Structure formats: structure tokens, C-alpha cells
Amino acid sequence: MKNIGTIAGKVWKTLNSNGKMTVTALTKKTSEKKDQILMALGWLAKEDKLDVKKKGNVTHYNLK
């Protein structure tokens, strides 16, 4: 398993370049596994770096 901090950095860079995204979009764009993306999002949320918006049953993640 890759270092979650490294994947969190990759997710941060992807969100910084692309704006709000879903977990599915992040998985495709970063080529990382869904469970690793979710752990990375948790890392970024703990660091208070994420804005999370849920509309219906779709959740979007963006940087603050």
C-alpha cells in the first residue's frame, strides 16, 4: 500500500488543478484505488483543507 500522505498530496494537486470532484472522478484522474482516495480525503479533511458539498446522493470535494 502506498503512503496515504503521498496520495493525499496527489489528491490535493488534482483538486487544485481541476476544482470540485467526486470520489469516482478522483479515482479516475489519479489512477489510485477508491479506498486509498477515501483515506486521502479523510487526511485532507482532518487538516481542514476540504470543502465537502452533498447534493442528492452525490458528494463533491473541493479545496477550501
Foldseek 3Di string as FASTA:
>chain_A
DDDLCVVLVVLQVVLVVPPKDFLVVSCVVSVDDSVSSVVSVVVCVVVVQWDWDDDDNTIIIHGD
